[in-house]
Protein backbone atom coordinates (compact mmCIF):
# COMPACT_ATOMS: atom_id res chain seq x y z
CA MET A 1 -3.10 9.71 -0.18
CA ARG A 2 -5.22 11.10 -3.16
CA VAL A 3 -3.46 9.53 -7.23
CA VAL A 4 -3.87 10.66 -10.33
CA ILE A 5 -3.01 7.94 -12.76
CA ALA A 6 -1.96 9.10 -16.32
CA GLU A 7 -1.80 5.35 -18.44
CA ASP A 8 -3.83 4.82 -22.01
CA ASN A 9 -3.76 1.04 -21.23
CA VAL A 10 -7.41 0.50 -19.87
CA LEU A 11 -6.69 -2.91 -18.47
CA LEU A 12 -3.51 -1.97 -16.73
CA SER A 13 -4.78 1.43 -15.90
CA SER A 14 -8.20 -0.74 -13.92
CA GLY A 15 -5.80 -2.95 -12.49
CA LEU A 16 -3.56 0.24 -10.87
CA GLU A 17 -7.38 1.64 -9.60
CA LEU A 18 -8.48 -1.72 -7.97
CA LEU A 19 -4.54 -2.65 -6.32
CA LEU A 20 -4.39 0.60 -5.23
CA THR A 21 -8.05 1.21 -3.99
CA ALA A 22 -7.53 -2.38 -1.82
CA ARG A 23 -4.21 -0.95 -0.18
CA GLY A 24 -6.03 2.77 0.98
CA PHE A 25 -5.17 4.67 -1.38
CA ASP A 26 -7.94 7.47 -3.41
CA VAL A 27 -7.59 7.30 -6.99
CA VAL A 28 -8.88 10.30 -7.73
CA ALA A 29 -8.64 10.65 -11.27
CA ILE A 30 -7.07 8.14 -14.72
CA THR A 31 -6.53 10.12 -17.21
CA GLN A 32 -5.31 8.42 -21.25
CA ASP A 33 -3.42 11.27 -22.21
CA ALA A 34 -1.11 14.52 -21.25
CA PRO A 35 -3.78 17.13 -21.37
CA GLY A 36 -6.19 14.97 -19.43
CA PHE A 37 -2.99 14.62 -16.58
CA THR A 38 -2.44 18.31 -16.86
CA THR A 39 -6.09 19.11 -16.05
CA ALA A 40 -6.77 16.51 -13.45
CA VAL A 41 -3.24 17.53 -11.70
CA THR A 42 -4.68 21.28 -11.36
CA GLU A 43 -8.22 19.83 -10.42
CA HIS A 44 -7.05 17.53 -7.62
CA ARG A 45 -3.57 18.45 -6.77
CA PRO A 46 -2.70 14.92 -5.47
CA ASP A 47 -0.46 13.15 -3.38
CA VAL A 48 1.34 11.44 -5.91
CA THR A 49 0.97 10.61 -9.41
CA ILE A 50 1.63 7.46 -11.67
CA VAL A 51 2.87 8.29 -15.44
CA ASP A 52 3.29 6.61 -18.41
CA VAL A 53 6.30 7.67 -20.75
CA ARG A 54 4.35 7.56 -23.95
CA LEU A 55 0.85 8.57 -24.07
CA PRO A 56 -1.28 9.71 -27.14
CA PRO A 57 -1.62 10.82 -29.63
CA THR A 58 2.22 10.21 -31.03
CA PHE A 59 3.21 7.75 -27.91
CA ARG A 60 6.65 9.32 -28.10
CA ASP A 61 7.36 11.16 -24.62
CA GLU A 62 4.07 12.78 -23.70
CA GLY A 63 3.69 11.67 -20.78
CA ILE A 64 7.06 12.41 -18.90
CA HIS A 65 6.70 15.68 -20.55
CA ALA A 66 3.72 16.46 -19.04
CA ALA A 67 5.22 15.14 -15.46
CA LEU A 68 8.14 17.59 -16.09
CA HIS A 69 5.94 20.52 -16.98
CA ALA A 70 3.82 19.66 -13.85
CA ARG A 71 6.60 19.56 -11.56
CA ARG A 72 7.51 22.99 -12.80
CA ARG A 73 4.07 24.32 -12.11
CA TYR A 74 3.83 22.47 -8.82
CA PRO A 75 7.40 22.00 -7.21
CA GLY A 76 8.15 18.86 -5.38
CA LEU A 77 4.49 17.03 -6.84
CA PRO A 78 5.46 13.57 -6.67
CA VAL A 79 5.95 11.69 -9.62
CA LEU A 80 5.92 7.55 -10.42
CA VAL A 81 7.08 7.13 -13.96
CA LEU A 82 6.04 3.60 -15.11
CA SER A 83 7.24 2.27 -18.83
CA GLN A 84 8.06 0.00 -20.81
CA TYR A 85 10.86 2.28 -21.71
CA VAL A 86 13.69 4.00 -20.51
CA GLU A 87 13.51 7.81 -21.64
CA GLN A 88 17.20 8.48 -20.38
CA GLN A 89 16.91 12.26 -21.11
CA TYR A 90 14.00 13.01 -19.22
CA ALA A 91 14.71 10.48 -16.70
CA GLY A 92 17.68 12.70 -15.45
CA GLU A 93 15.84 15.78 -15.95
CA LEU A 94 13.09 14.52 -13.77
CA ILE A 95 15.69 14.30 -10.74
CA SER A 96 17.31 17.25 -11.64
CA ASP A 97 15.69 19.87 -10.03
CA GLY A 98 16.81 18.09 -6.37
CA ARG A 99 13.39 18.18 -4.56
CA GLY A 100 12.94 14.36 -4.57
CA GLY A 101 9.54 12.74 -4.77
CA VAL A 102 10.20 10.74 -7.88
CA GLY A 103 10.69 7.68 -9.37
CA TYR A 104 10.92 5.22 -12.42
CA LEU A 105 9.99 1.97 -12.76
CA LEU A 106 10.40 -0.66 -15.55
CA LYS A 107 6.56 -2.50 -15.92
CA ASP A 108 8.26 -5.80 -16.91
CA ARG A 109 10.22 -5.67 -14.17
CA VAL A 110 7.91 -4.79 -11.35
CA SER A 111 7.70 -8.27 -9.82
CA ARG A 112 5.62 -7.98 -6.39
CA VAL A 113 2.80 -6.01 -5.99
CA SER A 114 4.02 -4.96 -2.28
CA GLU A 115 7.85 -3.79 -3.43
CA PHE A 116 5.72 -1.30 -6.15
CA VAL A 117 2.99 0.28 -3.89
CA ASP A 118 6.36 0.73 -1.15
CA ALA A 119 7.78 2.54 -4.26
CA LEU A 120 4.90 4.72 -4.54
CA ARG A 121 4.56 5.28 -0.66
CA ARG A 122 8.30 6.08 -0.68
CA VAL A 123 7.80 8.90 -3.52
CA ALA A 124 4.90 10.64 -1.74
CA ASP A 125 7.02 10.77 1.13
CA GLY A 126 9.26 12.86 -0.91
CA GLY A 127 11.74 9.75 -1.83
CA THR A 128 13.74 8.53 -4.88
CA VAL A 129 12.97 5.21 -6.37
CA MET A 130 14.85 4.11 -9.44
CA ASP A 131 15.07 1.06 -11.62
CA PRO A 132 18.46 -0.18 -11.42
CA GLU A 133 18.04 -0.38 -15.55
CA VAL A 134 17.11 2.91 -15.66
CA ILE A 135 20.38 3.63 -13.17
CA ALA A 136 22.54 2.13 -15.36
CA GLN A 137 21.35 4.10 -18.34
CA LEU A 138 21.94 7.32 -16.28
CA LEU A 139 25.37 6.51 -15.79
CA THR A 140 26.23 5.35 -19.02
CA ARG A 141 28.48 8.92 -19.36
CA HIS A 142 30.93 7.25 -16.47
CA ALA A 143 34.36 5.77 -18.49
CA HIS A 144 35.13 4.09 -15.34
CA ASP A 145 33.67 3.41 -11.34
CA PRO A 146 34.19 6.64 -9.79
CA ILE A 147 33.86 4.77 -6.51
CA ALA A 148 36.84 3.60 -6.71
CA ASP A 149 38.47 7.40 -6.38
CA LEU A 150 36.90 7.49 -2.81
CA THR A 151 39.12 6.91 0.58
CA SER A 152 37.62 4.73 3.10
CA ARG A 153 36.04 7.25 4.60
CA GLU A 154 34.19 8.91 2.17
CA ARG A 155 32.72 5.50 1.05
CA GLN A 156 31.49 4.60 4.63
CA VAL A 157 29.71 8.36 4.26
CA LEU A 158 28.48 7.61 0.85
CA ALA A 159 27.31 4.26 2.16
CA LEU A 160 24.95 5.61 5.23
CA MET A 161 23.90 8.57 2.45
CA ALA A 162 22.62 5.66 0.12
CA GLU A 163 20.86 4.24 3.39
CA GLY A 164 18.80 7.49 3.39
CA LYS A 165 20.66 9.17 6.85
CA ASP A 166 20.81 12.42 7.09
CA ASN A 167 24.44 14.69 7.77
CA THR A 168 23.58 14.55 11.77
CA THR A 169 22.68 10.57 11.65
CA ILE A 170 25.66 9.85 10.31
CA ALA A 171 28.04 12.31 11.93
CA ALA A 172 26.52 10.38 15.18
CA ARG A 173 27.52 6.98 13.64
CA LEU A 174 31.15 7.60 12.73
CA VAL A 175 31.48 9.88 15.45
CA ILE A 176 32.54 12.80 13.71
CA THR A 177 31.88 16.08 13.40
CA GLU A 178 28.71 17.43 10.72
CA ASN A 179 31.15 19.75 9.52
CA ALA A 180 33.51 16.59 8.65
CA VAL A 181 30.32 15.03 6.99
CA HIS A 182 30.00 18.22 5.27
CA LYS A 183 33.69 17.96 4.04
CA HIS A 184 33.67 14.52 2.86
CA ILE A 185 30.45 14.96 1.24
CA GLY A 186 31.92 17.68 -0.93
CA ASN A 187 35.04 15.62 -1.87
CA ILE A 188 32.69 12.84 -2.86
CA PHE A 189 30.58 15.22 -5.06
CA ALA A 190 33.90 16.30 -6.61
CA LYS A 191 35.41 13.06 -7.27
CA LEU A 192 32.36 12.07 -8.55
CA GLY A 193 32.03 15.08 -10.90
CA LEU A 194 29.14 16.52 -9.70
CA SER A 195 29.85 20.14 -9.39
CA PRO A 196 27.69 23.17 -8.04
CA ASP A 197 26.27 23.93 -11.47
CA ASP A 198 25.69 19.63 -12.40
CA SER A 199 22.28 19.23 -13.99
CA GLY A 200 21.17 16.48 -11.64
CA HIS A 201 20.46 16.45 -7.89
CA ARG A 202 23.98 15.64 -6.49
CA ARG A 203 23.00 14.20 -3.62
CA VAL A 204 20.85 11.44 -5.45
CA LEU A 205 23.10 10.95 -8.07
CA ALA A 206 25.99 9.76 -5.47
CA VAL A 207 23.92 7.62 -4.51
CA LEU A 208 22.77 5.86 -7.52
CA SER A 209 26.28 5.94 -8.18
CA TYR A 210 26.95 3.55 -5.53
CA LEU A 211 23.97 1.74 -5.72
CA SER A 212 25.45 1.10 -9.09
CA SER A 213 28.80 -0.05 -8.13
CA GLN A 214 27.22 -2.47 -5.65
CA GLY A 215 25.28 -3.75 -8.14
CA ARG A 216 21.91 -2.94 -5.77
CA THR A 217 18.53 -2.03 -6.11
CA PRO A 218 17.61 1.33 -4.80
CA ARG A 219 14.42 1.13 -2.51
């Protein structure tokens, strides 16, 4: 699995390269700024990327901005943001295209190498991995716990969605039709305020709402 890393801290980028190489990844490029990241992605077309939010020269949002630009140019490019900071606006935008393959972890809260590597593989496979602190800030717009508005059946459906189950599997688990599952999911989206023209990926945001209400971390 080919990886491109955008990280200006040499010690951290070298450490990432060593641990990933030891676990079978192929780190094809390490860049220290946004232009270098863009060039590396174009040249290598990696299977997954690791990007810091703040890169030279201004150390504001160059990294995540470059990642968003790369995903627009190469739809579905897997991006794992690894940063000390929560950039709320861009974190929301990162998952808004609905293609998956995104993650946002905070450097100081990554406690196990195995969990980080697993998160990277999940992102590469098209999954979504978010630090609970990032989730909390993404959901601050809700004045109350929207999960409380769901029926018992809708909560069952959402719980299975949070486990990564597709509609067919959910229908089999609950012994209902797929059409019924589709209707329940539509009701869930409506009650959580996730309309068809919502700027976020509705299924992902619904799951994040559920996990946040349960005090759980999406993995």
